[in-house]
Amino acid sequence: MPLIQSLYETTDALNQDFCQRISTLLEQGIEQNGRASLIVSGGRTPAALFGALSQVPLAWDKVDISLADERWVDVNDDASNEKMVRAKLLVNKAATANFIGLKTAHDDAQDAVQTCRANFADVARPFDVLILGMGEDGHTASLFPCSTQITQGLDLDSEQMFIAVQPTTAPNQRMSLTLPALLNSKHVFLHLTGDSKKDVLAKALADDDELAMPIRAVLNNTRVELMWAP
């Protein structure tokens, strides 16, 4: 499938354009279905984008927001993606959006897989907008090449929406959307900044071993738009 590349000279320019793109797609989803869904990723890269998006005048009370993955830590922990999303995105005009967190009260993420799926029962699919990031090892969401769960997570025939993952090269157990769940999206964006991430993407595009670099499984199976700035 094609990779569409939208390259910007600055992160400010990227965020401004990306913000408009996302809000337009969410508006279309609301117009077509009464509600729209936005699945985001954590990390440092999207924080400024979320801040800009939170200021957009939109029927946010008709938008369901959740995460592509989550570290299995308390939601008040600095490592929590939910904490970052609540601080940066679910504020200002976007404060009325419906947020579905992935972290539950279960001690082990494996015990929470079915609960997470049940919590998504009322979220329309395909998702309107999915924003993915990518690690230096080519992981996306929490589909890590180092984990013993990677084959299961990338199984397109799997009927599982979520998978509990234990990376060996990163801290914390994780909950992640599976590859088929990620692909069940109308619009998939890969949001990257910096030359090092661009180099990692070039490496991913140069081969097709999806287990070695799981981002390839997304790139190989759906239309993805790269949003990149230095």
C-alpha atoms as a PDB file:
ATOM      1  CA  MET A   1       0.000   0.000   0.000  1.00  0.00           C
ATOM      2  CA  PRO A   2       1.256   3.514  -0.659  1.00  0.00           C
ATOM      3  CA  LEU A   3       2.953   5.680   1.928  1.00  0.00           C
ATOM      4  CA  ILE A   4       1.834   9.262   1.436  1.00  0.00           C
ATOM      5  CA  GLN A   5       4.473  11.691   2.684  1.00  0.00           C
ATOM      6  CA  SER A   6       3.592  15.100   4.098  1.00  0.00           C
ATOM      7  CA  LEU A   7       6.871  16.756   5.045  1.00  0.00           C
ATOM      8  CA  TYR A   8       7.137  20.092   6.856  1.00  0.00           C
ATOM      9  CA  GLU A   9       9.982  22.483   7.562  1.00  0.00           C
ATOM     10  CA  THR A  10       8.991  22.992  11.195  1.00  0.00           C
ATOM     11  CA  THR A  11       6.994  21.153  13.825  1.00  0.00           C
ATOM     12  CA  ASP A  12       4.772  24.234  14.190  1.00  0.00           C
ATOM     13  CA  ALA A  13       3.813  24.029  10.525  1.00  0.00           C
ATOM     14  CA  LEU A  14       3.209  20.298  10.854  1.00  0.00           C
ATOM     15  CA  ASN A  15       1.035  20.709  13.931  1.00  0.00           C
ATOM     16  CA  GLN A  16      -1.026  23.483  12.384  1.00  0.00           C
ATOM     17  CA  ASP A  17      -1.790  21.492   9.243  1.00  0.00           C
ATOM     18  CA  PHE A  18      -2.221  18.175  11.053  1.00  0.00           C
ATOM     19  CA  CYS A  19      -4.600  19.769  13.527  1.00  0.00           C
ATOM     20  CA  GLN A  20      -6.778  20.995  10.677  1.00  0.00           C
ATOM     21  CA  ARG A  21      -6.709  17.606   8.975  1.00  0.00           C
ATOM     22  CA  ILE A  22      -7.748  15.761  12.105  1.00  0.00           C
ATOM     23  CA  SER A  23     -10.560  18.163  12.970  1.00  0.00           C
ATOM     24  CA  THR A  24     -11.934  17.988   9.410  1.00  0.00           C
ATOM     25  CA  LEU A  25     -11.977  14.193   9.475  1.00  0.00           C
ATOM     26  CA  LEU A  26     -13.678  14.161  12.880  1.00  0.00           C
ATOM     27  CA  GLU A  27     -16.289  16.635  11.644  1.00  0.00           C
ATOM     28  CA  GLN A  28     -16.952  14.361   8.674  1.00  0.00           C
ATOM     29  CA  GLY A  29     -17.339  11.388  10.980  1.00  0.00           C
ATOM     30  CA  ILE A  30     -19.830  13.253  13.140  1.00  0.00           C
ATOM     31  CA  GLU A  31     -21.808  14.346  10.089  1.00  0.00           C
ATOM     32  CA  GLN A  32     -21.915  10.831   8.684  1.00  0.00           C
ATOM     33  CA  ASN A  33     -22.442   8.755  11.823  1.00  0.00           C
ATOM     34  CA  GLY A  34     -23.421  11.083  14.661  1.00  0.00           C
ATOM     35  CA  ARG A  35     -20.111  10.397  16.455  1.00  0.00           C
ATOM     36  CA  ALA A  36     -16.432  10.184  15.532  1.00  0.00           C
ATOM     37  CA  SER A  37     -13.466   8.300  16.971  1.00  0.00           C
ATOM     38  CA  LEU A  38      -9.838   9.335  17.438  1.00  0.00           C
ATOM     39  CA  ILE A  39      -7.134   6.881  18.516  1.00  0.00           C
ATOM     40  CA  VAL A  40      -3.876   8.511  19.568  1.00  0.00           C
ATOM     41  CA  SER A  41      -0.415   7.479  20.712  1.00  0.00           C
ATOM     42  CA  GLY A  42       1.583   8.679  23.675  1.00  0.00           C
ATOM     43  CA  GLY A  43       5.150   9.863  24.004  1.00  0.00           C
ATOM     44  CA  ARG A  44       6.610  13.345  23.695  1.00  0.00           C
ATOM     45  CA  THR A  45       6.046  13.889  19.962  1.00  0.00           C
ATOM     46  CA  PRO A  46       2.264  14.514  19.965  1.00  0.00           C
ATOM     47  CA  ALA A  47       2.065  16.779  23.037  1.00  0.00           C
ATOM     48  CA  ALA A  48       2.182  20.063  21.093  1.00  0.00           C
ATOM     49  CA  LEU A  49      -0.229  18.697  18.489  1.00  0.00           C
ATOM     50  CA  PHE A  50      -2.669  17.760  21.241  1.00  0.00           C
ATOM     51  CA  GLY A  51      -2.435  21.236  22.711  1.00  0.00           C
ATOM     52  CA  ALA A  52      -3.357  22.788  19.367  1.00  0.00           C
ATOM     53  CA  LEU A  53      -6.127  20.269  18.762  1.00  0.00           C
ATOM     54  CA  SER A  54      -7.686  20.982  22.151  1.00  0.00           C
ATOM     55  CA  GLN A  55      -8.355  24.554  21.019  1.00  0.00           C
ATOM     56  CA  VAL A  56     -10.283  23.592  17.886  1.00  0.00           C
ATOM     57  CA  PRO A  57     -14.009  24.429  17.962  1.00  0.00           C
ATOM     58  CA  LEU A  58     -15.616  21.050  17.388  1.00  0.00           C
ATOM     59  CA  ALA A  59     -18.554  19.045  18.760  1.00  0.00           C
ATOM     60  CA  TRP A  60     -16.129  17.294  21.100  1.00  0.00           C
ATOM     61  CA  ASP A  61     -18.978  15.772  23.117  1.00  0.00           C
ATOM     62  CA  LYS A  62     -19.569  13.600  20.041  1.00  0.00           C
ATOM     63  CA  VAL A  63     -15.953  12.405  19.818  1.00  0.00           C
ATOM     64  CA  ASP A  64     -14.627   9.216  21.416  1.00  0.00           C
ATOM     65  CA  ILE A  65     -10.892   9.338  22.158  1.00  0.00           C
ATOM     66  CA  SER A  66      -8.651   6.482  23.207  1.00  0.00           C
ATOM     67  CA  LEU A  67      -5.103   5.175  22.946  1.00  0.00           C
ATOM     68  CA  ALA A  68      -3.345   2.787  20.597  1.00  0.00           C
ATOM     69  CA  ASP A  69      -1.502   1.422  23.617  1.00  0.00           C
ATOM     70  CA  GLU A  70      -0.846   2.039  27.292  1.00  0.00           C
ATOM     71  CA  ARG A  71       1.848   1.222  29.833  1.00  0.00           C
ATOM     72  CA  TRP A  72       0.465  -0.821  32.728  1.00  0.00           C
ATOM     73  CA  VAL A  73       1.126   1.868  35.334  1.00  0.00           C
ATOM     74  CA  ASP A  74      -1.139   4.022  37.480  1.00  0.00           C
ATOM     75  CA  VAL A  75      -2.880   6.731  35.445  1.00  0.00           C
ATOM     76  CA  ASN A  76      -1.169   9.356  37.627  1.00  0.00           C
ATOM     77  CA  ASP A  77       2.288   7.952  36.858  1.00  0.00           C
ATOM     78  CA  ASP A  78       4.437  10.124  34.584  1.00  0.00           C
ATOM     79  CA  ALA A  79       4.862   7.098  32.295  1.00  0.00           C
ATOM     80  CA  SER A  80       1.109   6.897  31.710  1.00  0.00           C
ATOM     81  CA  ASN A  81      -0.093   7.818  28.232  1.00  0.00           C
ATOM     82  CA  GLU A  82      -3.500   8.562  29.703  1.00  0.00           C
ATOM     83  CA  LYS A  83      -1.975  11.146  32.048  1.00  0.00           C
ATOM     84  CA  MET A  84      -0.383  12.954  29.106  1.00  0.00           C
ATOM     85  CA  VAL A  85      -3.556  12.847  27.012  1.00  0.00           C
ATOM     86  CA  ARG A  86      -5.653  14.186  29.873  1.00  0.00           C
ATOM     87  CA  ALA A  87      -3.179  17.028  30.464  1.00  0.00           C
ATOM     88  CA  LYS A  88      -2.613  18.016  26.829  1.00  0.00           C
ATOM     89  CA  LEU A  89      -5.675  16.991  24.806  1.00  0.00           C
ATOM     90  CA  LEU A  90      -8.683  16.594  27.091  1.00  0.00           C
ATOM     91  CA  VAL A  91      -8.645  20.266  28.061  1.00  0.00           C
ATOM     92  CA  ASN A  92      -9.957  23.557  26.699  1.00  0.00           C
ATOM     93  CA  LYS A  93     -12.603  22.934  24.021  1.00  0.00           C
ATOM     94  CA  ALA A  94     -11.821  19.200  23.939  1.00  0.00           C
ATOM     95  CA  ALA A  95     -12.609  18.730  27.630  1.00  0.00           C
ATOM     96  CA  THR A  96     -16.072  17.383  26.755  1.00  0.00           C
ATOM     97  CA  ALA A  97     -14.750  14.515  24.607  1.00  0.00           C
ATOM     98  CA  ASN A  98     -15.472  10.974  25.777  1.00  0.00           C
ATOM     99  CA  PHE A  99     -12.199   9.323  26.790  1.00  0.00           C
ATOM    100  CA  ILE A 100     -11.842   5.555  27.102  1.00  0.00           C
ATOM    101  CA  GLY A 101      -8.689   4.658  29.002  1.00  0.00           C
ATOM    102  CA  LEU A 102      -6.942   1.312  28.630  1.00  0.00           C
ATOM    103  CA  LYS A 103      -5.547   0.943  32.145  1.00  0.00           C
ATOM    104  CA  THR A 104      -7.880  -0.972  34.428  1.00  0.00           C
ATOM    105  CA  ALA A 105      -7.717  -2.033  38.067  1.00  0.00           C
ATOM    106  CA  HIS A 106      -6.280  -5.424  37.111  1.00  0.00           C
ATOM    107  CA  ASP A 107      -2.752  -6.080  38.366  1.00  0.00           C
ATOM    108  CA  ASP A 108      -1.868  -7.988  35.192  1.00  0.00           C
ATOM    109  CA  ALA A 109      -2.710  -6.553  31.782  1.00  0.00           C
ATOM    110  CA  GLN A 110      -3.460 -10.052  30.510  1.00  0.00           C
ATOM    111  CA  ASP A 111      -6.469 -10.188  32.836  1.00  0.00           C
ATOM    112  CA  ALA A 112      -7.807  -6.917  31.404  1.00  0.00           C
ATOM    113  CA  VAL A 113      -7.933  -7.810  27.690  1.00  0.00           C
ATOM    114  CA  GLN A 114     -11.636  -8.646  27.624  1.00  0.00           C
ATOM    115  CA  THR A 115     -12.498  -5.671  29.851  1.00  0.00           C
ATOM    116  CA  CYS A 116     -10.776  -3.317  27.431  1.00  0.00           C
ATOM    117  CA  ARG A 117     -12.698  -4.811  24.539  1.00  0.00           C
ATOM    118  CA  ALA A 118     -15.978  -4.462  26.433  1.00  0.00           C
ATOM    119  CA  ASN A 119     -15.172  -0.812  27.163  1.00  0.00           C
ATOM    120  CA  PHE A 120     -15.044  -0.220  23.396  1.00  0.00           C
ATOM    121  CA  ALA A 121     -18.450  -1.772  22.750  1.00  0.00           C
ATOM    122  CA  ASP A 122     -20.057   1.576  21.947  1.00  0.00           C
ATOM    123  CA  VAL A 123     -17.159   3.028  19.963  1.00  0.00           C
ATOM    124  CA  ALA A 124     -17.937   2.963  16.247  1.00  0.00           C
ATOM    125  CA  ARG A 125     -15.507   1.176  13.994  1.00  0.00           C
ATOM    126  CA  PRO A 126     -13.699   1.625  11.741  1.00  0.00           C
ATOM    127  CA  PHE A 127     -12.018   4.368  13.753  1.00  0.00           C
ATOM    128  CA  ASP A 128     -12.145   7.713  11.974  1.00  0.00           C
ATOM    129  CA  VAL A 129      -8.557   8.719  12.756  1.00  0.00           C
ATOM    130  CA  LEU A 130      -5.611   6.677  14.031  1.00  0.00           C
ATOM    131  CA  ILE A 131      -2.345   8.427  14.897  1.00  0.00           C
ATOM    132  CA  LEU A 132       0.640   6.124  15.326  1.00  0.00           C
ATOM    133  CA  GLY A 133       4.188   6.756  16.442  1.00  0.00           C
ATOM    134  CA  MET A 134       7.252   4.579  15.924  1.00  0.00           C
ATOM    135  CA  GLY A 135      10.166   3.597  18.112  1.00  0.00           C
ATOM    136  CA  GLU A 136      13.820   3.381  17.140  1.00  0.00           C
ATOM    137  CA  ASP A 137      13.369  -0.406  16.943  1.00  0.00           C
ATOM    138  CA  GLY A 138      10.464  -0.098  14.540  1.00  0.00           C
ATOM    139  CA  HIS A 139       7.741  -0.868  17.065  1.00  0.00           C
ATOM    140  CA  THR A 140       4.400   0.883  16.820  1.00  0.00           C
ATOM    141  CA  ALA A 141       1.648   1.018  19.439  1.00  0.00           C
ATOM    142  CA  SER A 142       3.103  -1.588  21.838  1.00  0.00           C
ATOM    143  CA  LEU A 143       3.804  -4.171  19.170  1.00  0.00           C
ATOM    144  CA  PHE A 144       7.455  -4.707  20.068  1.00  0.00           C
ATOM    145  CA  PRO A 145       9.756  -6.922  17.995  1.00  0.00           C
ATOM    146  CA  CYS A 146      11.412  -8.075  21.216  1.00  0.00           C
ATOM    147  CA  SER A 147       8.232  -9.413  22.833  1.00  0.00           C
ATOM    148  CA  THR A 148       7.109 -13.023  22.792  1.00  0.00           C
ATOM    149  CA  GLN A 149       3.621 -11.780  21.934  1.00  0.00           C
ATOM    150  CA  ILE A 150       4.611 -10.133  18.637  1.00  0.00           C
ATOM    151  CA  THR A 151       3.460 -12.945  16.335  1.00  0.00           C
ATOM    152  CA  GLN A 152       0.055 -12.974  17.992  1.00  0.00           C
ATOM    153  CA  GLY A 153      -0.147  -9.182  17.904  1.00  0.00           C
ATOM    154  CA  LEU A 154       0.519  -9.082  14.154  1.00  0.00           C
ATOM    155  CA  ASP A 155      -1.822 -11.964  13.281  1.00  0.00           C
ATOM    156  CA  LEU A 156      -4.300 -10.567  10.752  1.00  0.00           C
ATOM    157  CA  ASP A 157      -6.590 -13.528  11.356  1.00  0.00           C
ATOM    158  CA  SER A 158      -6.754 -12.861  15.066  1.00  0.00           C
ATOM    159  CA  GLU A 159     -10.160 -11.897  16.352  1.00  0.00           C
ATOM    160  CA  GLN A 160      -8.568 -10.161  19.324  1.00  0.00           C
ATOM    161  CA  MET A 161      -8.822  -6.389  19.580  1.00  0.00           C
ATOM    162  CA  PHE A 162      -6.283  -6.017  22.392  1.00  0.00           C
ATOM    163  CA  ILE A 163      -3.181  -7.855  23.472  1.00  0.00           C
ATOM    164  CA  ALA A 164      -1.138  -7.703  26.676  1.00  0.00           C
ATOM    165  CA  VAL A 165       2.554  -7.250  25.861  1.00  0.00           C
ATOM    166  CA  GLN A 166       5.743  -7.554  27.904  1.00  0.00           C
ATOM    167  CA  PRO A 167       8.659  -5.893  26.086  1.00  0.00           C
ATOM    168  CA  THR A 168      12.143  -7.097  26.939  1.00  0.00           C
ATOM    169  CA  THR A 169      13.864  -3.871  25.824  1.00  0.00           C
ATOM    170  CA  ALA A 170      11.498  -1.383  27.491  1.00  0.00           C
ATOM    171  CA  PRO A 171       9.987  -1.080  30.963  1.00  0.00           C
ATOM    172  CA  ASN A 172       6.414  -1.900  31.989  1.00  0.00           C
ATOM    173  CA  GLN A 173       3.881  -4.365  30.782  1.00  0.00           C
ATOM    174  CA  ARG A 174       1.626  -2.862  28.095  1.00  0.00           C
ATOM    175  CA  MET A 175      -1.856  -3.089  26.642  1.00  0.00           C
ATOM    176  CA  SER A 176      -1.987  -2.617  22.887  1.00  0.00           C
ATOM    177  CA  LEU A 177      -4.420  -2.675  20.042  1.00  0.00           C
ATOM    178  CA  THR A 178      -3.594  -5.617  17.765  1.00  0.00           C
ATOM    179  CA  LEU A 179      -2.638  -5.142  14.124  1.00  0.00           C
ATOM    180  CA  PRO A 180      -6.135  -6.000  12.792  1.00  0.00           C
ATOM    181  CA  ALA A 181      -7.658  -3.551  15.264  1.00  0.00           C
ATOM    182  CA  LEU A 182      -5.238  -0.799  14.212  1.00  0.00           C
ATOM    183  CA  LEU A 183      -5.961  -1.446  10.550  1.00  0.00           C
ATOM    184  CA  ASN A 184      -9.689  -1.070  11.198  1.00  0.00           C
ATOM    185  CA  SER A 185      -9.323   2.694  10.728  1.00  0.00           C
ATOM    186  CA  LYS A 186     -10.454   5.016   7.939  1.00  0.00           C
ATOM    187  CA  HIS A 187      -7.386   7.251   8.121  1.00  0.00           C
ATOM    188  CA  VAL A 188      -3.991   6.148   9.464  1.00  0.00           C
ATOM    189  CA  PHE A 189      -1.271   8.696  10.170  1.00  0.00           C
ATOM    190  CA  LEU A 190       2.345   8.080  11.199  1.00  0.00           C
ATOM    191  CA  HIS A 191       3.494  11.101  13.216  1.00  0.00           C
ATOM    192  CA  LEU A 192       7.282  11.439  13.428  1.00  0.00           C
ATOM    193  CA  THR A 193       9.784  14.186  14.112  1.00  0.00           C
ATOM    194  CA  GLY A 194      13.552  14.251  13.735  1.00  0.00           C
ATOM    195  CA  ASP A 195      16.049  12.838  11.251  1.00  0.00           C
ATOM    196  CA  SER A 196      16.683   9.696  13.321  1.00  0.00           C
ATOM    197  CA  LYS A 197      13.058   8.599  13.025  1.00  0.00           C
ATOM    198  CA  LYS A 198      13.127   9.317   9.299  1.00  0.00           C
ATOM    199  CA  ASP A 199      16.169   7.041   9.033  1.00  0.00           C
ATOM    200  CA  VAL A 200      14.347   4.295  10.945  1.00  0.00           C
ATOM    201  CA  LEU A 201      11.396   4.628   8.578  1.00  0.00           C
ATOM    202  CA  ALA A 202      13.710   4.367   5.559  1.00  0.00           C
ATOM    203  CA  LYS A 203      15.098   1.139   7.022  1.00  0.00           C
ATOM    204  CA  ALA A 204      11.579  -0.164   7.544  1.00  0.00           C
ATOM    205  CA  LEU A 205      10.661   0.590   3.950  1.00  0.00           C
ATOM    206  CA  ALA A 206      13.780  -1.159   2.640  1.00  0.00           C
ATOM    207  CA  ASP A 207      12.744  -4.655   3.774  1.00  0.00           C
ATOM    208  CA  ASP A 208       9.583  -6.608   4.513  1.00  0.00           C
ATOM    209  CA  ASP A 209      10.342  -8.591   7.689  1.00  0.00           C
ATOM    210  CA  GLU A 210       7.396  -7.487   9.822  1.00  0.00           C
ATOM    211  CA  LEU A 211       8.503  -9.371  12.938  1.00  0.00           C
ATOM    212  CA  ALA A 212      11.817  -7.481  12.900  1.00  0.00           C
ATOM    213  CA  MET A 213      10.133  -4.076  12.518  1.00  0.00           C
ATOM    214  CA  PRO A 214       6.383  -4.244  13.261  1.00  0.00           C
ATOM    215  CA  ILE A 215       5.699  -0.832  11.699  1.00  0.00           C
ATOM    216  CA  ARG A 216       6.144  -2.681   8.382  1.00  0.00           C
ATOM    217  CA  ALA A 217       2.969  -4.640   9.106  1.00  0.00           C
ATOM    218  CA  VAL A 218       0.997  -1.398   9.135  1.00  0.00           C
ATOM    219  CA  LEU A 219       2.758   0.021   6.077  1.00  0.00           C
ATOM    220  CA  ASN A 220       2.251  -3.220   4.139  1.00  0.00           C
ATOM    221  CA  ASN A 221      -1.457  -3.522   4.819  1.00  0.00           C
ATOM    222  CA  THR A 222      -3.060  -0.102   4.618  1.00  0.00           C
ATOM    223  CA  ARG A 223      -2.669   3.411   3.287  1.00  0.00           C
ATOM    224  CA  VAL A 224      -0.558   5.446   5.709  1.00  0.00           C
ATOM    225  CA  GLU A 225       0.208   9.148   5.634  1.00  0.00           C
ATOM    226  CA  LEU A 226       3.519  10.208   7.113  1.00  0.00           C
ATOM    227  CA  MET A 227       3.443  13.510   8.982  1.00  0.00           C
ATOM    228  CA  TRP A 228       7.090  14.496   9.511  1.00  0.00           C
ATOM    229  CA  ALA A 229       9.134  17.528  10.516  1.00  0.00           C
ATOM    230  CA  PRO A 230      12.764  17.893  11.607  1.00  0.00           C
END
